[in-house]
PDB file of N, CA and C in Angstrom:
ATOM      1  N   MET A   1     101.264  79.286  98.601  1.00  0.00           N
ATOM      2  CA  MET A   1     101.850  80.035  99.693  1.00  0.00           C
ATOM      3  C   MET A   1     100.748  80.846 100.379  1.00  0.00           C
ATOM      4  N   TYR A   2     100.785  80.867 101.707  1.00  0.00           N
ATOM      5  CA  TYR A   2      99.784  81.617 102.453  1.00  0.00           C
ATOM      6  C   TYR A   2     100.055  83.115 102.386  1.00  0.00           C
ATOM      7  N   VAL A   3      99.006  83.855 102.105  1.00  0.00           N
ATOM      8  CA  VAL A   3      99.052  85.307 102.179  1.00  0.00           C
ATOM      9  C   VAL A   3      98.613  85.707 103.582  1.00  0.00           C
ATOM     10  N   CYS A   4      97.545  85.079 104.053  1.00  0.00           N
ATOM     11  CA  CYS A   4      96.983  85.356 105.373  1.00  0.00           C
ATOM     12  C   CYS A   4      97.097  84.102 106.226  1.00  0.00           C
ATOM     13  N   SER A   5      98.022  84.133 107.168  1.00  0.00           N
ATOM     14  CA  SER A   5      98.201  82.968 108.025  1.00  0.00           C
ATOM     15  C   SER A   5      97.113  82.880 109.094  1.00  0.00           C
ATOM     16  N   CYS A   6      96.474  83.985 109.420  1.00  0.00           N
ATOM     17  CA  CYS A   6      95.393  83.963 110.425  1.00  0.00           C
ATOM     18  C   CYS A   6      94.221  83.098 109.968  1.00  0.00           C
ATOM     19  N   PHE A   7      93.894  83.184 108.656  1.00  0.00           N
ATOM     20  CA  PHE A   7      92.748  82.450 108.125  1.00  0.00           C
ATOM     21  C   PHE A   7      93.145  81.449 107.035  1.00  0.00           C
ATOM     22  N   GLN A   8      94.448  81.168 106.926  1.00  0.00           N
ATOM     23  CA  GLN A   8      94.976  80.209 105.958  1.00  0.00           C
ATOM     24  C   GLN A   8      94.473  80.469 104.536  1.00  0.00           C
ATOM     25  N   VAL A   9      94.577  81.713 104.113  1.00  0.00           N
ATOM     26  CA  VAL A   9      94.177  82.113 102.764  1.00  0.00           C
ATOM     27  C   VAL A   9      95.434  82.169 101.906  1.00  0.00           C
ATOM     28  N   THR A  10      95.385  81.485 100.779  1.00  0.00           N
ATOM     29  CA  THR A  10      96.549  81.422  99.902  1.00  0.00           C
ATOM     30  C   THR A  10      96.531  82.541  98.869  1.00  0.00           C
ATOM     31  N   GLU A  11      97.677  82.747  98.255  1.00  0.00           N
ATOM     32  CA  GLU A  11      97.793  83.727  97.176  1.00  0.00           C
ATOM     33  C   GLU A  11      96.857  83.364  96.032  1.00  0.00           C
ATOM     34  N   ALA A  12      96.753  82.075  95.738  1.00  0.00           N
ATOM     35  CA  ALA A  12      95.860  81.620  94.666  1.00  0.00           C
ATOM     36  C   ALA A  12      94.401  81.948  94.985  1.00  0.00           C
ATOM     37  N   GLN A  13      94.004  81.821  96.230  1.00  0.00           N
ATOM     38  CA  GLN A  13      92.635  82.153  96.610  1.00  0.00           C
ATOM     39  C   GLN A  13      92.365  83.646  96.457  1.00  0.00           C
ATOM     40  N   VAL A  14      93.315  84.468  96.876  1.00  0.00           N
ATOM     41  CA  VAL A  14      93.162  85.913  96.712  1.00  0.00           C
ATOM     42  C   VAL A  14      93.057  86.251  95.229  1.00  0.00           C
ATOM     43  N   GLN A  15      93.883  85.628  94.412  1.00  0.00           N
ATOM     44  CA  GLN A  15      93.847  85.881  92.971  1.00  0.00           C
ATOM     45  C   GLN A  15      92.512  85.439  92.374  1.00  0.00           C
ATOM     46  N   GLN A  16      91.961  84.320  92.846  1.00  0.00           N
ATOM     47  CA  GLN A  16      90.654  83.868  92.362  1.00  0.00           C
ATOM     48  C   GLN A  16      89.566  84.890  92.677  1.00  0.00           C
ATOM     49  N   HIS A  17      89.589  85.420  93.890  1.00  0.00           N
ATOM     50  CA  HIS A  17      88.607  86.444  94.258  1.00  0.00           C
ATOM     51  C   HIS A  17      88.796  87.702  93.409  1.00  0.00           C
ATOM     52  N   ALA A  18      90.049  88.055  93.138  1.00  0.00           N
ATOM     53  CA  ALA A  18      90.333  89.209  92.285  1.00  0.00           C
ATOM     54  C   ALA A  18      89.823  88.965  90.866  1.00  0.00           C
ATOM     55  N   ASP A  19      90.021  87.755  90.367  1.00  0.00           N
ATOM     56  CA  ASP A  19      89.539  87.411  89.028  1.00  0.00           C
ATOM     57  C   ASP A  19      88.019  87.466  88.943  1.00  0.00           C
ATOM     58  N   ARG A  20      87.356  87.243  90.071  1.00  0.00           N
ATOM     59  CA  ARG A  20      85.888  87.292  90.130  1.00  0.00           C
ATOM     60  C   ARG A  20      85.364  88.695  90.386  1.00  0.00           C
ATOM     61  N   GLY A  21      86.271  89.682  90.492  1.00  0.00           N
ATOM     62  CA  GLY A  21      85.827  91.065  90.584  1.00  0.00           C
ATOM     63  C   GLY A  21      86.223  91.825  91.835  1.00  0.00           C
ATOM     64  N   ALA A  22      86.792  91.166  92.842  1.00  0.00           N
ATOM     65  CA  ALA A  22      87.246  91.888  94.029  1.00  0.00           C
ATOM     66  C   ALA A  22      88.458  92.726  93.632  1.00  0.00           C
ATOM     67  N   CYS A  23      88.384  94.029  93.880  1.00  0.00           N
ATOM     68  CA  CYS A  23      89.492  94.885  93.435  1.00  0.00           C
ATOM     69  C   CYS A  23      90.069  95.739  94.558  1.00  0.00           C
ATOM     70  N   THR A  24      89.621  95.523  95.795  1.00  0.00           N
ATOM     71  CA  THR A  24      90.190  96.226  96.934  1.00  0.00           C
ATOM     72  C   THR A  24      90.439  95.232  98.062  1.00  0.00           C
ATOM     73  N   PRO A  25      91.353  95.556  98.974  1.00  0.00           N
ATOM     74  CA  PRO A  25      91.564  94.675 100.121  1.00  0.00           C
ATOM     75  C   PRO A  25      90.285  94.458 100.928  1.00  0.00           C
ATOM     76  N   ARG A  26      89.441  95.449 101.006  1.00  0.00           N
ATOM     77  CA  ARG A  26      88.174  95.310 101.737  1.00  0.00           C
ATOM     78  C   ARG A  26      87.267  94.279 101.065  1.00  0.00           C
ATOM     79  N   GLN A  27      87.230  94.268  99.740  1.00  0.00           N
ATOM     80  CA  GLN A  27      86.422  93.275  99.029  1.00  0.00           C
ATOM     81  C   GLN A  27      86.998  91.876  99.195  1.00  0.00           C
ATOM     82  N   ILE A  28      88.316  91.771  99.220  1.00  0.00           N
ATOM     83  CA  ILE A  28      88.956  90.478  99.490  1.00  0.00           C
ATOM     84  C   ILE A  28      88.591  90.024 100.897  1.00  0.00           C
ATOM     85  N   ALA A  29      88.636  90.938 101.855  1.00  0.00           N
ATOM     86  CA  ALA A  29      88.284  90.607 103.238  1.00  0.00           C
ATOM     87  C   ALA A  29      86.848  90.112 103.335  1.00  0.00           C
ATOM     88  N   SER A  30      85.949  90.737 102.605  1.00  0.00           N
ATOM     89  CA  SER A  30      84.553  90.299 102.612  1.00  0.00           C
ATOM     90  C   SER A  30      84.398  88.908 102.025  1.00  0.00           C
ATOM     91  N   ALA A  31      85.231  88.589 101.055  1.00  0.00           N
ATOM     92  CA  ALA A  31      85.131  87.299 100.374  1.00  0.00           C
ATOM     93  C   ALA A  31      85.733  86.150 101.174  1.00  0.00           C
ATOM     94  N   CYS A  32      86.840  86.416 101.910  1.00  0.00           N
ATOM     95  CA  CYS A  32      87.540  85.292 102.552  1.00  0.00           C
ATOM     96  C   CYS A  32      88.150  85.611 103.908  1.00  0.00           C
ATOM     97  N   LYS A  33      87.890  86.776 104.464  1.00  0.00           N
ATOM     98  CA  LYS A  33      88.376  87.226 105.771  1.00  0.00           C
ATOM     99  C   LYS A  33      89.855  87.621 105.798  1.00  0.00           C
ATOM    100  N   ALA A  34      90.579  87.420 104.729  1.00  0.00           N
ATOM    101  CA  ALA A  34      91.998  87.787 104.710  1.00  0.00           C
ATOM    102  C   ALA A  34      92.150  89.268 105.012  1.00  0.00           C
ATOM    103  N   GLY A  35      93.030  89.604 105.940  1.00  0.00           N
ATOM    104  CA  GLY A  35      93.285  90.991 106.292  1.00  0.00           C
ATOM    105  C   GLY A  35      92.426  91.533 107.412  1.00  0.00           C
ATOM    106  N   THR A  36      91.552  90.700 107.987  1.00  0.00           N
ATOM    107  CA  THR A  36      90.639  91.198 109.008  1.00  0.00           C
ATOM    108  C   THR A  36      91.077  90.919 110.437  1.00  0.00           C
ATOM    109  N   ASP A  37      92.159  90.169 110.627  1.00  0.00           N
ATOM    110  CA  ASP A  37      92.601  89.883 111.994  1.00  0.00           C
ATOM    111  C   ASP A  37      93.803  90.756 112.334  1.00  0.00           C
ATOM    112  N   CYS A  38      95.010  90.287 112.119  1.00  0.00           N
ATOM    113  CA  CYS A  38      96.189  91.063 112.516  1.00  0.00           C
ATOM    114  C   CYS A  38      96.544  92.150 111.505  1.00  0.00           C
ATOM    115  N   GLY A  39      96.150  91.972 110.236  1.00  0.00           N
ATOM    116  CA  GLY A  39      96.395  92.986 109.211  1.00  0.00           C
ATOM    117  C   GLY A  39      97.757  92.926 108.544  1.00  0.00           C
ATOM    118  N   SER A  40      98.599  91.988 108.951  1.00  0.00           N
ATOM    119  CA  SER A  40      99.946  91.945 108.366  1.00  0.00           C
ATOM    120  C   SER A  40      99.951  91.541 106.896  1.00  0.00           C
ATOM    121  N   CYS A  41      98.865  90.994 106.398  1.00  0.00           N
ATOM    122  CA  CYS A  41      98.813  90.543 105.005  1.00  0.00           C
ATOM    123  C   CYS A  41      98.243  91.589 104.054  1.00  0.00           C
ATOM    124  N   VAL A  42      97.779  92.697 104.561  1.00  0.00           N
ATOM    125  CA  VAL A  42      97.091  93.687 103.707  1.00  0.00           C
ATOM    126  C   VAL A  42      98.004  94.215 102.611  1.00  0.00           C
ATOM    127  N   ARG A  43      99.259  94.462 102.906  1.00  0.00           N
ATOM    128  CA  ARG A  43     100.184  94.960 101.861  1.00  0.00           C
ATOM    129  C   ARG A  43     100.392  93.925 100.770  1.00  0.00           C
ATOM    130  N   ARG A  44     100.464  92.659 101.158  1.00  0.00           N
ATOM    131  CA  ARG A  44     100.627  91.602 100.152  1.00  0.00           C
ATOM    132  C   ARG A  44      99.364  91.492  99.299  1.00  0.00           C
ATOM    133  N   ILE A  45      98.209  91.626  99.927  1.00  0.00           N
ATOM    134  CA  ILE A  45      96.950  91.609  99.182  1.00  0.00           C
ATOM    135  C   ILE A  45      96.920  92.778  98.198  1.00  0.00           C
ATOM    136  N   GLN A  46      97.345  93.950  98.644  1.00  0.00           N
ATOM    137  CA  GLN A  46      97.408  95.112  97.755  1.00  0.00           C
ATOM    138  C   GLN A  46      98.321  94.839  96.570  1.00  0.00           C
ATOM    139  N   ALA A  47      99.438  94.180  96.826  1.00  0.00           N
ATOM    140  CA  ALA A  47     100.376  93.865  95.749  1.00  0.00           C
ATOM    141  C   ALA A  47      99.751  92.895  94.752  1.00  0.00           C
ATOM    142  N   ILE A  48      99.030  91.904  95.244  1.00  0.00           N
ATOM    143  CA  ILE A  48      98.363  90.950  94.359  1.00  0.00           C
ATOM    144  C   ILE A  48      97.325  91.668  93.506  1.00  0.00           C
ATOM    145  N   LEU A  49      96.652  92.629  94.101  1.00  0.00           N
ATOM    146  CA  LEU A  49      95.633  93.393  93.379  1.00  0.00           C
ATOM    147  C   LEU A  49      96.239  94.453  92.467  1.00  0.00           C
ATOM    148  N   GLY A  50      97.545  94.647  92.550  1.00  0.00           N
ATOM    149  CA  GLY A  50      98.197  95.636  91.698  1.00  0.00           C
ATOM    150  C   GLY A  50      98.275  97.008  92.312  1.00  0.00           C
ATOM    151  N   ARG A  51      98.234  97.086  93.640  1.00  0.00           N
ATOM    152  CA  ARG A  51      98.326  98.360  94.350  1.00  0.00           C
ATOM    153  C   ARG A  51      99.458  98.266  95.355  1.00  0.00           C
ATOM    154  N   GLY A  52      99.829  99.378  95.916  1.00  0.00           N
ATOM    155  CA  GLY A  52     100.763  99.368  97.030  1.00  0.00           C
ATOM    156  C   GLY A  52     102.203  99.195  96.630  1.00  0.00           C
ATOM    157  N   ALA A  53     102.888  98.300  97.304  1.00  0.00           N
ATOM    158  CA  ALA A  53     104.335  98.165  97.220  1.00  0.00           C
ATOM    159  C   ALA A  53     104.828  97.802  95.831  1.00  0.00           C
ATOM    160  N   PHE A  54     104.057  97.061  95.058  1.00  0.00           N
ATOM    161  CA  PHE A  54     104.499  96.628  93.742  1.00  0.00           C
ATOM    162  C   PHE A  54     103.633  97.298  92.682  1.00  0.00           C
ATOM    163  N   PRO A  55     104.248  97.955  91.687  1.00  0.00           N
ATOM    164  CA  PRO A  55     103.452  98.648  90.668  1.00  0.00           C
ATOM    165  C   PRO A  55     102.690  97.666  89.787  1.00  0.00           C
ATOM    166  N   ARG A  56     101.566  98.123  89.278  1.00  0.00           N
ATOM    167  CA  ARG A  56     100.802  97.302  88.345  1.00  0.00           C
ATOM    168  C   ARG A  56     101.587  97.157  87.061  1.00  0.00           C
ATOM    169  N   ARG A  57     101.594  95.972  86.504  1.00  0.00           N
ATOM    170  CA  ARG A  57     102.338  95.726  85.275  1.00  0.00           C
ATOM    171  C   ARG A  57     101.832  96.571  84.122  1.00  0.00           C
ATOM    172  N   ASP A  58     100.510  96.668  83.972  1.00  0.00           N
ATOM    173  CA  ASP A  58      99.993  97.400  82.827  1.00  0.00           C
ATOM    174  C   ASP A  58     100.340  98.882  82.909  1.00  0.00           C
ATOM    175  N   LEU A  59     100.494  99.434  84.106  1.00  0.00           N
ATOM    176  CA  LEU A  59     100.902 100.828  84.239  1.00  0.00           C
ATOM    177  C   LEU A  59     102.408 100.978  84.107  1.00  0.00           C
ATOM    178  N   ALA A  60     103.162 100.032  84.641  1.00  0.00           N
ATOM    179  CA  ALA A  60     104.615 100.110  84.596  1.00  0.00           C
ATOM    180  C   ALA A  60     105.153  99.899  83.182  1.00  0.00           C
ATOM    181  N   ASP A  61     104.411  99.174  82.349  1.00  0.00           N
ATOM    182  CA  ASP A  61     104.882  98.861  81.008  1.00  0.00           C
ATOM    183  C   ASP A  61     104.568  99.948  79.988  1.00  0.00           C
ATOM    184  N   ARG A  62     103.843 100.967  80.368  1.00  0.00           N
ATOM    185  CA  ARG A  62     103.517 102.037  79.431  1.00  0.00           C
ATOM    186  C   ARG A  62     104.758 102.840  79.084  1.00  0.00           C
ATOM    187  N   SER A  63     104.884 103.168  77.816  1.00  0.00           N
ATOM    188  CA  SER A  63     106.047 103.946  77.400  1.00  0.00           C
ATOM    189  C   SER A  63     105.837 105.439  77.641  1.00  0.00           C
ATOM    190  N   GLU A  64     104.585 105.879  77.686  1.00  0.00           N
ATOM    191  CA  GLU A  64     104.322 107.288  77.924  1.00  0.00           C
ATOM    192  C   GLU A  64     104.022 107.516  79.394  1.00  0.00           C
ATOM    193  N   PRO A  65     104.349 108.684  79.920  1.00  0.00           N
ATOM    194  CA  PRO A  65     104.101 108.948  81.343  1.00  0.00           C
ATOM    195  C   PRO A  65     102.611 109.018  81.642  1.00  0.00           C
ATOM    196  N   VAL A  66     102.256 108.594  82.833  1.00  0.00           N
ATOM    197  CA  VAL A  66     100.871 108.638  83.281  1.00  0.00           C
ATOM    198  C   VAL A  66     100.728 109.883  84.149  1.00  0.00           C
ATOM    199  N   LEU A  67      99.837 110.787  83.769  1.00  0.00           N
ATOM    200  CA  LEU A  67      99.639 112.026  84.510  1.00  0.00           C
ATOM    201  C   LEU A  67      98.473 111.887  85.468  1.00  0.00           C
ATOM    202  N   THR A  68      98.615 112.492  86.623  1.00  0.00           N
ATOM    203  CA  THR A  68      97.507 112.527  87.578  1.00  0.00           C
ATOM    204  C   THR A  68      96.550 113.622  87.148  1.00  0.00           C
ATOM    205  N   GLU A  69      95.360 113.638  87.735  1.00  0.00           N
ATOM    206  CA  GLU A  69      94.379 114.673  87.390  1.00  0.00           C
ATOM    207  C   GLU A  69      94.915 116.068  87.677  1.00  0.00           C
ATOM    208  N   LEU A  70      95.672 116.229  88.762  1.00  0.00           N
ATOM    209  CA  LEU A  70      96.230 117.538  89.114  1.00  0.00           C
ATOM    210  C   LEU A  70      97.254 117.984  88.070  1.00  0.00           C
ATOM    211  N   GLU A  71      98.074 117.061  87.608  1.00  0.00           N
ATOM    212  CA  GLU A  71      99.075 117.408  86.609  1.00  0.00           C
ATOM    213  C   GLU A  71      98.422 117.785  85.292  1.00  0.00           C
ATOM    214  N   GLU A  72      97.333 117.085  84.944  1.00  0.00           N
ATOM    215  CA  GLU A  72      96.650 117.381  83.700  1.00  0.00           C
ATOM    216  C   GLU A  72      95.982 118.749  83.742  1.00  0.00           C
ATOM    217  N   ALA A  73      95.489 119.142  84.924  1.00  0.00           N
ATOM    218  CA  ALA A  73      94.783 120.413  85.079  1.00  0.00           C
ATOM    219  C   ALA A  73      95.734 121.609  85.061  1.00  0.00           C
ATOM    220  N   ALA A  74      96.993 121.372  85.359  1.00  0.00           N
ATOM    221  CA  ALA A  74      97.969 122.475  85.453  1.00  0.00           C
ATOM    222  C   ALA A  74      98.344 123.027  84.106  1.00  0.00           C
TER     223      ALA A  74
END
């Protein structure tokens, strides 16, 4: 399935770049141009990377709450 229709980049391609170390939408864009034209795919790219609209599985599956730095300092 295409993530970026502007450059015909598939979800599998984005995942391959992520597996090779790309961990931000900007790094994905550098690797394959996805997200650099109309930008409508950036949220989907974030979701594939575990950011944005869909929570990361490893964080969502934790039984204990995850505190932010501000909460820990309080």
